[in-house]
Every structure is written in C-alpha cells, then in structure tokens.
Amino acid sequence: MFDQIIISSGVQSPLPSVTNLHVDSVNFPPSVISPASSNRLFLAGAGVQGLDIQGEFVISTVIGVYLDPNAVGSLTSFGWGCKTTEELTESVNFFRHIVTGSFEKFIKVTMKLPLTGQQYSEKVTENCEAIWESLGINSNSDISCGPPPSAKLRFNKITKTFGPSRHYSRGQAVKRFLEIFKPKKFPPGASILFAISPKGSLTVAFSNDDGIPKRGNTAIENKFLAEAVLESIIGKNGVSPGARLSVAERLAQVMKNEGRAETLILADKKFMKNNEVKEDATKTKTDQEEANDLSLGDKLAEEN
C-alpha cells in the first residue's frame, strides 16, 4: 500500500495553464471554485463511465476531476514529472499519491442516463468496499477527521435537516452516505459533486444542471470514504479508465511545463548573476584605468 502523502504549505500555488475538456456533450471548464473551501481548482482530467447493455457500451455518467494547484508541486517533488503518460497511467502509486495527497480534490459527476440516488450510492459504496478489501482495510478500521470550526458553523446554518457536522466511523460513514442519496433522483444533465479536503472530509453537493453550487449540502468526516470515492473513479480498477488516462496525460504535461518554468527561472538567475560578475569586473577595470590616467597626468604635470 502506498504510504500516506503529507505535503501542505497552507498557501495555494498559482493555477497551471490548462484547457477545458468537452466530453460527450458535457463541458468541463479549466477551473472551478470548490463548494467546500471556495478555493479555485484546476481541471486534471475527465472521462466517461459506462455499462454494457446487450453488447453495446452505453455511457451512464461523465466525470471531471479537479485538483488544488499545490498537487503539481507535491507530485513533482516525488519525481512523477520525469515519467511519461504511459508510465503514469500504469502506475498504481501515482494515482494513490493523488488519492491520498494532502491537497484538495473535487469531482463532478454528470448524468447521461437517469439514476436514482439509491442506485448510485449503493454502487459507489460497493466499489469502496472492494477498494478497502484490496488495501487490507478491515471493517474495524476507523479514520475520521474533523473540519475547522468555521466549516461546522457554516454547515449548521445551511442544512439543519442533516444535523451538526460530526466524526464518522467507516461503517457510520457508509450508512450516512446511503442516507444522503436515498431520496434523490438524478435526471440526465443533473450533477453530483464531491469535494475532498486535504484532511479527508467528504463534502457532497447536488446540482440540477451544469452549475456548481457555492456551498455543499453536507459533509462526512471520514478519510477512508473520501479517498475511496476518488479511487473508485481513477484508481487501478476505477469506473472511468478514460478519466484515469486523461488525468495522466494532462498532469504529465502540466508537470513538464512546471519543470520548464523552473529551468527558465534558474537560467535567468544564473544569467543575472554572471552579468553582475561581469559588471563588477568591468567597473574594477574602469576604475583602474582612471587611476592610471590620473597617475600619468600627475607625472606629466611634475615634468612640466
């Protein structure tokens, strides 16, 4: 199992320059504002999820994955920037780094086929259970995390029906997840939104169209569940191989561009330093020439 990645400076890096993606008539903009933190995140990749119906692949949802800009520095610092798209796509550790990294993630799932909340949530939790089993996480394991006081206060104001934000064991988190989705119905075009905090809190939101609400509906404070939701999409056996490939392609390019930018900065610094040395040498030479001229002038004056 890939070790937990803990890298967080507390300061958001500049957004990398990326384009939008248009996947099966669904547009994913280059950046969005997270409903959980109000931070702007960049589009890491997107792809479809589908199912086989009588031998025909039918698209059920289209999924976009967004990351905090700090993810780029975190990934690059572990040497992933030297890898090719193919190497990243096949690397379990690379996607485990994304899943467990201490930076914010955001997932937008847009419906192409109508689904009930119960259908969707039961399939997601089934996939999460399979992931936990593969990682050797038993049913008694418990990791929960608490949001900052401001998040708890905001949550209480918005959704009194869900009660106060609280810690959840893994079993309680799954139960809560199923409860949140049970009364929901998602027609084509509706979206389910997941925001995962650096500490692992899972904020859930819903949209009847292509928009993203300013705030989430509820938060589940369990790191296992938050990470498994993302891994169920882009992990080794994720439901969207297209999203996995897209993330690998785009991050490979972003990290490559980041490396070029750092190289240029270092080259500029070296150039400036060399120029300073040359200027100092020229100045010293000029001062010496002036001194020699003065000495010669003094000598001529004495002779006259």
C-alpha atoms as a PDB file:
ATOM      1  CA  MET A   1       0.000   0.000   0.000  1.00  0.00           C
ATOM      2  CA  PHE A   2       1.285   3.429  -0.915  1.00  0.00           C
ATOM      3  CA  ASP A   3       2.222   5.486   2.137  1.00  0.00           C
ATOM      4  CA  GLN A   4       0.124   8.484   3.066  1.00  0.00           C
ATOM      5  CA  ILE A   5       1.425  11.637   1.406  1.00  0.00           C
ATOM      6  CA  ILE A   6       1.564  14.641   3.719  1.00  0.00           C
ATOM      7  CA  ILE A   7       2.538  17.833   1.917  1.00  0.00           C
ATOM      8  CA  SER A   8       0.737  21.050   2.625  1.00  0.00           C
ATOM      9  CA  SER A   9       2.184  24.535   2.779  1.00  0.00           C
ATOM     10  CA  GLY A  10      -1.127  26.199   3.613  1.00  0.00           C
ATOM     11  CA  VAL A  11      -0.635  28.582   0.672  1.00  0.00           C
ATOM     12  CA  GLN A  12      -2.260  27.857  -2.673  1.00  0.00           C
ATOM     13  CA  SER A  13       0.072  27.774  -5.678  1.00  0.00           C
ATOM     14  CA  PRO A  14      -0.802  29.625  -8.915  1.00  0.00           C
ATOM     15  CA  LEU A  15      -3.215  27.798 -11.205  1.00  0.00           C
ATOM     16  CA  PRO A  16      -1.471  25.906 -14.014  1.00  0.00           C
ATOM     17  CA  SER A  17      -2.453  26.827 -17.558  1.00  0.00           C
ATOM     18  CA  VAL A  18      -4.880  24.143 -18.769  1.00  0.00           C
ATOM     19  CA  THR A  19      -7.721  23.990 -21.298  1.00  0.00           C
ATOM     20  CA  ASN A  20     -11.328  22.955 -20.888  1.00  0.00           C
ATOM     21  CA  LEU A  21     -12.492  19.461 -21.879  1.00  0.00           C
ATOM     22  CA  HIS A  22     -15.630  18.610 -23.842  1.00  0.00           C
ATOM     23  CA  VAL A  23     -16.651  15.009 -23.135  1.00  0.00           C
ATOM     24  CA  ASP A  24     -19.775  13.570 -24.753  1.00  0.00           C
ATOM     25  CA  SER A  25     -21.519  16.982 -24.900  1.00  0.00           C
ATOM     26  CA  VAL A  26     -20.553  17.817 -21.292  1.00  0.00           C
ATOM     27  CA  ASN A  27     -18.176  20.758 -20.898  1.00  0.00           C
ATOM     28  CA  PHE A  28     -15.662  20.888 -18.057  1.00  0.00           C
ATOM     29  CA  PRO A  29     -14.122  24.374 -17.629  1.00  0.00           C
ATOM     30  CA  PRO A  30     -10.379  24.792 -16.949  1.00  0.00           C
ATOM     31  CA  SER A  31     -11.069  25.701 -13.319  1.00  0.00           C
ATOM     32  CA  VAL A  32     -13.897  25.732 -10.784  1.00  0.00           C
ATOM     33  CA  ILE A  33     -14.464  27.076  -7.288  1.00  0.00           C
ATOM     34  CA  SER A  34     -14.848  24.343  -4.691  1.00  0.00           C
ATOM     35  CA  PRO A  35     -18.164  24.467  -2.785  1.00  0.00           C
ATOM     36  CA  ALA A  36     -16.311  23.229   0.300  1.00  0.00           C
ATOM     37  CA  SER A  37     -13.451  25.731   0.540  1.00  0.00           C
ATOM     38  CA  SER A  38     -14.091  28.459  -2.064  1.00  0.00           C
ATOM     39  CA  ASN A  39     -10.617  27.684  -3.467  1.00  0.00           C
ATOM     40  CA  ARG A  40     -10.150  27.623  -7.230  1.00  0.00           C
ATOM     41  CA  LEU A  41      -9.075  24.213  -8.540  1.00  0.00           C
ATOM     42  CA  PHE A  42      -7.799  23.220 -11.999  1.00  0.00           C
ATOM     43  CA  LEU A  43      -9.142  20.525 -14.332  1.00  0.00           C
ATOM     44  CA  ALA A  44      -6.874  17.478 -14.058  1.00  0.00           C
ATOM     45  CA  GLY A  45      -8.885  15.261 -16.399  1.00  0.00           C
ATOM     46  CA  ALA A  46     -12.273  13.921 -17.446  1.00  0.00           C
ATOM     47  CA  GLY A  47     -13.824  10.801 -18.936  1.00  0.00           C
ATOM     48  CA  VAL A  48     -16.946   8.677 -19.186  1.00  0.00           C
ATOM     49  CA  GLN A  49     -18.383   5.872 -17.091  1.00  0.00           C
ATOM     50  CA  GLY A  50     -20.499   3.308 -18.878  1.00  0.00           C
ATOM     51  CA  LEU A  51     -22.068  -0.104 -18.791  1.00  0.00           C
ATOM     52  CA  ASP A  52     -22.610  -2.928 -21.231  1.00  0.00           C
ATOM     53  CA  ILE A  53     -26.223  -3.293 -22.350  1.00  0.00           C
ATOM     54  CA  GLN A  54     -26.793  -6.222 -24.687  1.00  0.00           C
ATOM     55  CA  GLY A  55     -23.266  -5.982 -26.029  1.00  0.00           C
ATOM     56  CA  GLU A  56     -23.329  -2.219 -26.506  1.00  0.00           C
ATOM     57  CA  PHE A  57     -21.351   0.264 -24.395  1.00  0.00           C
ATOM     58  CA  VAL A  58     -23.751   2.869 -23.030  1.00  0.00           C
ATOM     59  CA  ILE A  59     -22.459   5.987 -21.259  1.00  0.00           C
ATOM     60  CA  SER A  60     -24.139   6.467 -17.882  1.00  0.00           C
ATOM     61  CA  THR A  61     -22.150   9.392 -16.439  1.00  0.00           C
ATOM     62  CA  VAL A  62     -19.408  11.819 -17.446  1.00  0.00           C
ATOM     63  CA  ILE A  63     -16.845  12.612 -14.752  1.00  0.00           C
ATOM     64  CA  GLY A  64     -14.441  15.526 -14.274  1.00  0.00           C
ATOM     65  CA  VAL A  65     -11.620  15.560 -11.701  1.00  0.00           C
ATOM     66  CA  TYR A  66     -10.197  18.831 -10.360  1.00  0.00           C
ATOM     67  CA  LEU A  67      -7.157  19.331  -8.124  1.00  0.00           C
ATOM     68  CA  ASP A  68      -5.674  22.055  -5.965  1.00  0.00           C
ATOM     69  CA  PRO A  69      -2.675  23.687  -7.731  1.00  0.00           C
ATOM     70  CA  ASN A  70      -0.500  22.512  -4.817  1.00  0.00           C
ATOM     71  CA  ALA A  71      -0.920  18.989  -6.191  1.00  0.00           C
ATOM     72  CA  VAL A  72       1.514  19.788  -9.008  1.00  0.00           C
ATOM     73  CA  GLY A  73       4.374  20.622  -6.650  1.00  0.00           C
ATOM     74  CA  SER A  74       3.567  17.621  -4.470  1.00  0.00           C
ATOM     75  CA  LEU A  75       3.643  15.215  -7.413  1.00  0.00           C
ATOM     76  CA  THR A  76       6.751  16.787  -8.944  1.00  0.00           C
ATOM     77  CA  SER A  77       8.656  16.598  -5.661  1.00  0.00           C
ATOM     78  CA  PHE A  78       8.219  12.819  -5.695  1.00  0.00           C
ATOM     79  CA  GLY A  79       9.698  12.505  -9.186  1.00  0.00           C
ATOM     80  CA  TRP A  80       6.499  11.947 -11.153  1.00  0.00           C
ATOM     81  CA  GLY A  81       7.378  14.797 -13.508  1.00  0.00           C
ATOM     82  CA  CYS A  82      10.060  12.591 -15.099  1.00  0.00           C
ATOM     83  CA  LYS A  83       7.536   9.920 -16.102  1.00  0.00           C
ATOM     84  CA  THR A  84       5.744   9.544 -19.437  1.00  0.00           C
ATOM     85  CA  THR A  85       1.968   9.496 -19.823  1.00  0.00           C
ATOM     86  CA  GLU A  86       2.092   5.730 -20.337  1.00  0.00           C
ATOM     87  CA  GLU A  87       4.151   5.217 -17.171  1.00  0.00           C
ATOM     88  CA  LEU A  88       1.808   7.387 -15.118  1.00  0.00           C
ATOM     89  CA  THR A  89      -1.300   5.660 -16.480  1.00  0.00           C
ATOM     90  CA  GLU A  90       0.035   2.242 -15.459  1.00  0.00           C
ATOM     91  CA  SER A  91       1.353   3.378 -12.069  1.00  0.00           C
ATOM     92  CA  VAL A  92      -0.750   2.391  -9.069  1.00  0.00           C
ATOM     93  CA  ASN A  93       1.446   4.530  -6.804  1.00  0.00           C
ATOM     94  CA  PHE A  94       0.934   7.663  -8.901  1.00  0.00           C
ATOM     95  CA  PHE A  95      -2.829   7.539  -8.509  1.00  0.00           C
ATOM     96  CA  ARG A  96      -2.517   6.553  -4.853  1.00  0.00           C
ATOM     97  CA  HIS A  97      -0.432   9.724  -4.441  1.00  0.00           C
ATOM     98  CA  ILE A  98      -3.264  11.760  -5.965  1.00  0.00           C
ATOM     99  CA  VAL A  99      -5.900  10.000  -3.857  1.00  0.00           C
ATOM    100  CA  THR A 100      -4.040  10.303  -0.534  1.00  0.00           C
ATOM    101  CA  GLY A 101      -2.193  13.577  -1.165  1.00  0.00           C
ATOM    102  CA  SER A 102      -2.738  16.385   1.320  1.00  0.00           C
ATOM    103  CA  PHE A 103      -4.370  18.741  -1.179  1.00  0.00           C
ATOM    104  CA  GLU A 104      -7.976  19.397  -2.127  1.00  0.00           C
ATOM    105  CA  LYS A 105      -9.766  17.390  -4.826  1.00  0.00           C
ATOM    106  CA  PHE A 106     -13.120  17.940  -6.483  1.00  0.00           C
ATOM    107  CA  ILE A 107     -15.210  15.531  -8.568  1.00  0.00           C
ATOM    108  CA  LYS A 108     -18.129  16.403 -10.812  1.00  0.00           C
ATOM    109  CA  VAL A 109     -20.343  13.523 -11.964  1.00  0.00           C
ATOM    110  CA  THR A 110     -22.898  14.498 -14.632  1.00  0.00           C
ATOM    111  CA  MET A 111     -25.703  12.108 -15.565  1.00  0.00           C
ATOM    112  CA  LYS A 112     -26.267  10.869 -19.104  1.00  0.00           C
ATOM    113  CA  LEU A 113     -28.847   8.278 -18.037  1.00  0.00           C
ATOM    114  CA  PRO A 114     -31.458   8.767 -15.298  1.00  0.00           C
ATOM    115  CA  LEU A 115     -30.427   7.249 -11.964  1.00  0.00           C
ATOM    116  CA  THR A 116     -31.935   7.152  -8.504  1.00  0.00           C
ATOM    117  CA  GLY A 117     -29.827   8.183  -5.547  1.00  0.00           C
ATOM    118  CA  GLN A 118     -30.158   4.693  -4.124  1.00  0.00           C
ATOM    119  CA  GLN A 119     -28.831   3.076  -7.318  1.00  0.00           C
ATOM    120  CA  TYR A 120     -25.872   5.435  -7.456  1.00  0.00           C
ATOM    121  CA  SER A 121     -24.906   5.323  -3.763  1.00  0.00           C
ATOM    122  CA  GLU A 122     -25.167   1.544  -3.475  1.00  0.00           C
ATOM    123  CA  LYS A 123     -22.841   1.065  -6.449  1.00  0.00           C
ATOM    124  CA  VAL A 124     -20.343   3.623  -5.098  1.00  0.00           C
ATOM    125  CA  THR A 125     -20.229   2.045  -1.634  1.00  0.00           C
ATOM    126  CA  GLU A 126     -19.888  -1.407  -3.212  1.00  0.00           C
ATOM    127  CA  ASN A 127     -16.834  -0.157  -5.115  1.00  0.00           C
ATOM    128  CA  CYS A 128     -15.457   1.457  -1.952  1.00  0.00           C
ATOM    129  CA  GLU A 129     -15.788  -1.824  -0.045  1.00  0.00           C
ATOM    130  CA  ALA A 130     -13.835  -3.607  -2.789  1.00  0.00           C
ATOM    131  CA  ILE A 131     -11.077  -0.973  -2.551  1.00  0.00           C
ATOM    132  CA  TRP A 132     -10.836  -1.281   1.239  1.00  0.00           C
ATOM    133  CA  GLU A 133     -10.597  -5.054   0.944  1.00  0.00           C
ATOM    134  CA  SER A 134      -7.811  -4.779  -1.661  1.00  0.00           C
ATOM    135  CA  LEU A 135      -5.886  -2.397   0.622  1.00  0.00           C
ATOM    136  CA  GLY A 136      -6.295  -4.646   3.642  1.00  0.00           C
ATOM    137  CA  ILE A 137      -8.502  -2.171   5.482  1.00  0.00           C
ATOM    138  CA  ASN A 138     -10.764  -4.270   7.699  1.00  0.00           C
ATOM    139  CA  SER A 139     -14.234  -3.394   8.897  1.00  0.00           C
ATOM    140  CA  ASN A 140     -12.937  -2.387  12.336  1.00  0.00           C
ATOM    141  CA  SER A 141     -10.558   0.224  10.906  1.00  0.00           C
ATOM    142  CA  ASP A 142     -11.533   3.763  11.782  1.00  0.00           C
ATOM    143  CA  ILE A 143     -10.132   7.032  10.483  1.00  0.00           C
ATOM    144  CA  SER A 144     -12.183  10.171  10.816  1.00  0.00           C
ATOM    145  CA  CYS A 145     -11.329  13.825  10.577  1.00  0.00           C
ATOM    146  CA  GLY A 146     -12.947  16.981  11.807  1.00  0.00           C
ATOM    147  CA  PRO A 147     -13.374  20.177   9.765  1.00  0.00           C
ATOM    148  CA  PRO A 148     -12.357  23.569  11.126  1.00  0.00           C
ATOM    149  CA  PRO A 149     -14.896  25.314  13.400  1.00  0.00           C
ATOM    150  CA  SER A 150     -15.912  27.667  10.567  1.00  0.00           C
ATOM    151  CA  ALA A 151     -16.916  24.683   8.413  1.00  0.00           C
ATOM    152  CA  LYS A 152     -19.054  23.240  11.208  1.00  0.00           C
ATOM    153  CA  LEU A 153     -20.777  26.568  11.774  1.00  0.00           C
ATOM    154  CA  ARG A 154     -21.448  27.052   8.059  1.00  0.00           C
ATOM    155  CA  PHE A 155     -22.812  23.535   7.780  1.00  0.00           C
ATOM    156  CA  ASN A 156     -25.249  24.078  10.646  1.00  0.00           C
ATOM    157  CA  LYS A 157     -26.580  27.262   9.058  1.00  0.00           C
ATOM    158  CA  ILE A 158     -27.203  25.732   5.655  1.00  0.00           C
ATOM    159  CA  THR A 159     -28.623  22.268   6.283  1.00  0.00           C
ATOM    160  CA  LYS A 160     -30.287  21.969   9.654  1.00  0.00           C
ATOM    161  CA  THR A 161     -32.042  18.848   8.427  1.00  0.00           C
ATOM    162  CA  PHE A 162     -28.734  16.997   8.324  1.00  0.00           C
ATOM    163  CA  GLY A 163     -27.781  17.988  11.857  1.00  0.00           C
ATOM    164  CA  PRO A 164     -24.353  19.162  13.035  1.00  0.00           C
ATOM    165  CA  SER A 165     -21.134  18.069  11.381  1.00  0.00           C
ATOM    166  CA  ARG A 166     -19.587  15.123  13.228  1.00  0.00           C
ATOM    167  CA  HIS A 167     -16.975  12.382  13.121  1.00  0.00           C
ATOM    168  CA  TYR A 168     -17.960   9.101  11.481  1.00  0.00           C
ATOM    169  CA  SER A 169     -16.527   5.612  11.769  1.00  0.00           C
ATOM    170  CA  ARG A 170     -16.205   3.798   8.464  1.00  0.00           C
ATOM    171  CA  GLY A 171     -19.475   1.918   8.949  1.00  0.00           C
ATOM    172  CA  GLN A 172     -21.299   5.077  10.030  1.00  0.00           C
ATOM    173  CA  ALA A 173     -19.859   6.966   7.067  1.00  0.00           C
ATOM    174  CA  VAL A 174     -21.204   4.399   4.594  1.00  0.00           C
ATOM    175  CA  LYS A 175     -24.601   4.464   6.286  1.00  0.00           C
ATOM    176  CA  ARG A 176     -24.678   8.267   6.203  1.00  0.00           C
ATOM    177  CA  PHE A 177     -23.649   8.277   2.534  1.00  0.00           C
ATOM    178  CA  LEU A 178     -26.536   5.961   1.651  1.00  0.00           C
ATOM    179  CA  GLU A 179     -28.986   8.075   3.672  1.00  0.00           C
ATOM    180  CA  ILE A 180     -27.995  11.293   1.891  1.00  0.00           C
ATOM    181  CA  PHE A 181     -28.613   9.786  -1.548  1.00  0.00           C
ATOM    182  CA  LYS A 182     -31.692   7.670  -0.798  1.00  0.00           C
ATOM    183  CA  PRO A 183     -34.378  10.321  -1.543  1.00  0.00           C
ATOM    184  CA  LYS A 184     -32.566  11.752  -4.574  1.00  0.00           C
ATOM    185  CA  LYS A 185     -33.366  11.291  -8.260  1.00  0.00           C
ATOM    186  CA  PHE A 186     -30.969  12.350 -10.988  1.00  0.00           C
ATOM    187  CA  PRO A 187     -32.322  13.032 -14.487  1.00  0.00           C
ATOM    188  CA  PRO A 188     -29.935  13.393 -17.446  1.00  0.00           C
ATOM    189  CA  GLY A 189     -27.929  16.609 -17.039  1.00  0.00           C
ATOM    190  CA  ALA A 190     -28.065  16.617 -13.233  1.00  0.00           C
ATOM    191  CA  SER A 191     -24.749  16.518 -11.365  1.00  0.00           C
ATOM    192  CA  ILE A 192     -23.360  15.019  -8.179  1.00  0.00           C
ATOM    193  CA  LEU A 193     -20.424  16.909  -6.680  1.00  0.00           C
ATOM    194  CA  PHE A 194     -17.791  15.673  -4.247  1.00  0.00           C
ATOM    195  CA  ALA A 195     -15.187  17.904  -2.574  1.00  0.00           C
ATOM    196  CA  ILE A 196     -12.406  16.193  -0.629  1.00  0.00           C
ATOM    197  CA  SER A 197     -10.500  18.333   1.864  1.00  0.00           C
ATOM    198  CA  PRO A 198      -6.737  17.922   2.489  1.00  0.00           C
ATOM    199  CA  LYS A 199      -7.602  16.168   5.761  1.00  0.00           C
ATOM    200  CA  GLY A 200     -10.131  13.837   4.142  1.00  0.00           C
ATOM    201  CA  SER A 201     -13.548  15.366   4.791  1.00  0.00           C
ATOM    202  CA  LEU A 202     -16.045  14.483   2.029  1.00  0.00           C
ATOM    203  CA  THR A 203     -18.465  17.300   1.143  1.00  0.00           C
ATOM    204  CA  VAL A 204     -21.423  16.276  -1.029  1.00  0.00           C
ATOM    205  CA  ALA A 205     -23.459  18.661  -3.176  1.00  0.00           C
ATOM    206  CA  PHE A 206     -26.069  18.349  -5.916  1.00  0.00           C
ATOM    207  CA  SER A 207     -26.963  20.377  -8.986  1.00  0.00           C
ATOM    208  CA  ASN A 208     -29.925  20.098 -11.341  1.00  0.00           C
ATOM    209  CA  ASP A 209     -27.858  21.442 -14.219  1.00  0.00           C
ATOM    210  CA  ASP A 210     -24.260  22.053 -15.257  1.00  0.00           C
ATOM    211  CA  GLY A 211     -23.643  24.584 -12.485  1.00  0.00           C
ATOM    212  CA  ILE A 212     -21.747  24.210  -9.229  1.00  0.00           C
ATOM    213  CA  PRO A 213     -23.365  25.493  -6.018  1.00  0.00           C
ATOM    214  CA  LYS A 214     -21.394  27.858  -3.819  1.00  0.00           C
ATOM    215  CA  ARG A 215     -21.780  25.580  -0.813  1.00  0.00           C
ATOM    216  CA  GLY A 216     -22.109  21.858  -0.197  1.00  0.00           C
ATOM    217  CA  ASN A 217     -25.195  20.120   1.163  1.00  0.00           C
ATOM    218  CA  THR A 218     -23.470  18.054   3.817  1.00  0.00           C
ATOM    219  CA  ALA A 219     -20.078  16.768   4.954  1.00  0.00           C
ATOM    220  CA  ILE A 220     -18.999  13.302   6.058  1.00  0.00           C
ATOM    221  CA  GLU A 221     -15.867  13.328   8.194  1.00  0.00           C
ATOM    222  CA  ASN A 222     -14.232  10.042   7.240  1.00  0.00           C
ATOM    223  CA  LYS A 223     -10.946   9.837   5.354  1.00  0.00           C
ATOM    224  CA  PHE A 224     -11.409   6.232   4.226  1.00  0.00           C
ATOM    225  CA  LEU A 225     -14.666   7.042   2.450  1.00  0.00           C
ATOM    226  CA  ALA A 226     -13.435  10.331   0.954  1.00  0.00           C
ATOM    227  CA  GLU A 227     -10.362   8.696  -0.577  1.00  0.00           C
ATOM    228  CA  ALA A 228     -12.225   5.594  -1.749  1.00  0.00           C
ATOM    229  CA  VAL A 229     -14.785   7.672  -3.676  1.00  0.00           C
ATOM    230  CA  LEU A 230     -11.984   9.200  -5.767  1.00  0.00           C
ATOM    231  CA  GLU A 231     -10.086   5.931  -6.091  1.00  0.00           C
ATOM    232  CA  SER A 232     -13.257   4.202  -7.320  1.00  0.00           C
ATOM    233  CA  ILE A 233     -13.110   6.567 -10.317  1.00  0.00           C
ATOM    234  CA  ILE A 234      -9.417   6.881 -11.252  1.00  0.00           C
ATOM    235  CA  GLY A 235      -7.830   4.005  -9.337  1.00  0.00           C
ATOM    236  CA  LYS A 236      -6.470   0.769 -10.805  1.00  0.00           C
ATOM    237  CA  ASN A 237      -9.943  -0.732 -11.232  1.00  0.00           C
ATOM    238  CA  GLY A 238     -11.800   2.579 -11.393  1.00  0.00           C
ATOM    239  CA  VAL A 239     -15.099   3.017 -13.193  1.00  0.00           C
ATOM    240  CA  SER A 240     -13.641   5.531 -15.665  1.00  0.00           C
ATOM    241  CA  PRO A 241     -10.451   4.375 -17.426  1.00  0.00           C
ATOM    242  CA  GLY A 242     -10.898   7.388 -19.714  1.00  0.00           C
ATOM    243  CA  ALA A 243     -10.713   9.792 -16.772  1.00  0.00           C
ATOM    244  CA  ARG A 244      -7.640   7.938 -15.476  1.00  0.00           C
ATOM    245  CA  LEU A 245      -5.877   8.296 -18.844  1.00  0.00           C
ATOM    246  CA  SER A 246      -6.930  11.940 -19.135  1.00  0.00           C
ATOM    247  CA  VAL A 247      -5.539  12.743 -15.676  1.00  0.00           C
ATOM    248  CA  ALA A 248      -2.235  11.047 -16.542  1.00  0.00           C
ATOM    249  CA  GLU A 249      -1.954  12.896 -19.875  1.00  0.00           C
ATOM    250  CA  ARG A 250      -2.777  16.331 -18.525  1.00  0.00           C
ATOM    251  CA  LEU A 251      -0.691  16.075 -15.352  1.00  0.00           C
ATOM    252  CA  ALA A 252       2.293  14.790 -17.339  1.00  0.00           C
ATOM    253  CA  GLN A 253       2.084  17.938 -19.475  1.00  0.00           C
ATOM    254  CA  VAL A 254       1.468  20.246 -16.504  1.00  0.00           C
ATOM    255  CA  MET A 255       4.471  18.829 -14.632  1.00  0.00           C
ATOM    256  CA  LYS A 256       6.588  19.097 -17.782  1.00  0.00           C
ATOM    257  CA  ASN A 257       5.617  22.756 -18.155  1.00  0.00           C
ATOM    258  CA  GLU A 258       6.341  23.304 -14.467  1.00  0.00           C
ATOM    259  CA  GLY A 259       9.817  21.828 -14.934  1.00  0.00           C
ATOM    260  CA  ARG A 260      10.485  24.069 -17.941  1.00  0.00           C
ATOM    261  CA  ALA A 261       9.385  27.131 -15.981  1.00  0.00           C
ATOM    262  CA  GLU A 262      11.714  26.244 -13.103  1.00  0.00           C
ATOM    263  CA  THR A 263      14.577  25.688 -15.576  1.00  0.00           C
ATOM    264  CA  LEU A 264      13.973  29.117 -17.121  1.00  0.00           C
ATOM    265  CA  ILE A 265      13.893  30.751 -13.695  1.00  0.00           C
ATOM    266  CA  LEU A 266      17.196  29.110 -12.755  1.00  0.00           C
ATOM    267  CA  ALA A 267      18.692  30.115 -16.117  1.00  0.00           C
ATOM    268  CA  ASP A 268      17.567  33.720 -15.577  1.00  0.00           C
ATOM    269  CA  LYS A 269      19.095  33.758 -12.098  1.00  0.00           C
ATOM    270  CA  LYS A 270      22.365  32.360 -13.445  1.00  0.00           C
ATOM    271  CA  PHE A 271      22.368  34.901 -16.278  1.00  0.00           C
ATOM    272  CA  MET A 272      21.769  37.791 -13.859  1.00  0.00           C
ATOM    273  CA  LYS A 273      24.490  36.541 -11.531  1.00  0.00           C
ATOM    274  CA  ASN A 274      27.001  36.224 -14.398  1.00  0.00           C
ATOM    275  CA  ASN A 275      26.127  39.729 -15.593  1.00  0.00           C
ATOM    276  CA  GLU A 276      26.657  41.088 -12.097  1.00  0.00           C
ATOM    277  CA  VAL A 277      30.124  39.483 -12.024  1.00  0.00           C
ATOM    278  CA  LYS A 278      30.936  40.911 -15.467  1.00  0.00           C
ATOM    279  CA  GLU A 279      29.679  44.363 -14.436  1.00  0.00           C
ATOM    280  CA  ASP A 280      31.814  44.237 -11.298  1.00  0.00           C
ATOM    281  CA  ALA A 281      34.849  43.184 -13.355  1.00  0.00           C
ATOM    282  CA  THR A 282      34.217  45.964 -15.902  1.00  0.00           C
ATOM    283  CA  LYS A 283      33.790  48.508 -13.124  1.00  0.00           C
ATOM    284  CA  THR A 284      37.038  47.395 -11.478  1.00  0.00           C
ATOM    285  CA  LYS A 285      38.855  47.637 -14.804  1.00  0.00           C
ATOM    286  CA  THR A 286      37.429  51.118 -15.478  1.00  0.00           C
ATOM    287  CA  ASP A 287      38.405  52.328 -12.004  1.00  0.00           C
ATOM    288  CA  GLN A 288      41.938  51.015 -12.537  1.00  0.00           C
ATOM    289  CA  GLU A 289      42.198  52.742 -15.939  1.00  0.00           C
ATOM    290  CA  GLU A 290      41.021  56.025 -14.402  1.00  0.00           C
ATOM    291  CA  ALA A 291      43.593  55.668 -11.652  1.00  0.00           C
ATOM    292  CA  ASN A 292      46.307  55.032 -14.234  1.00  0.00           C
ATOM    293  CA  ASP A 293      45.205  58.097 -16.217  1.00  0.00           C
ATOM    294  CA  LEU A 294      45.374  60.241 -13.079  1.00  0.00           C
ATOM    295  CA  SER A 295      48.865  58.924 -12.269  1.00  0.00           C
ATOM    296  CA  LEU A 296      50.040  59.718 -15.795  1.00  0.00           C
ATOM    297  CA  GLY A 297      48.543  63.216 -15.568  1.00  0.00           C
ATOM    298  CA  ASP A 298      50.294  63.855 -12.262  1.00  0.00           C
ATOM    299  CA  LYS A 299      53.595  62.676 -13.726  1.00  0.00           C
ATOM    300  CA  LEU A 300      53.302  64.983 -16.765  1.00  0.00           C
ATOM    301  CA  ALA A 301      52.408  67.904 -14.521  1.00  0.00           C
ATOM    302  CA  GLU A 302      55.526  67.340 -12.423  1.00  0.00           C
ATOM    303  CA  GLU A 303      57.744  67.185 -15.541  1.00  0.00           C
ATOM    304  CA  ASN A 304      56.305  70.488 -16.795  1.00  0.00           C
END
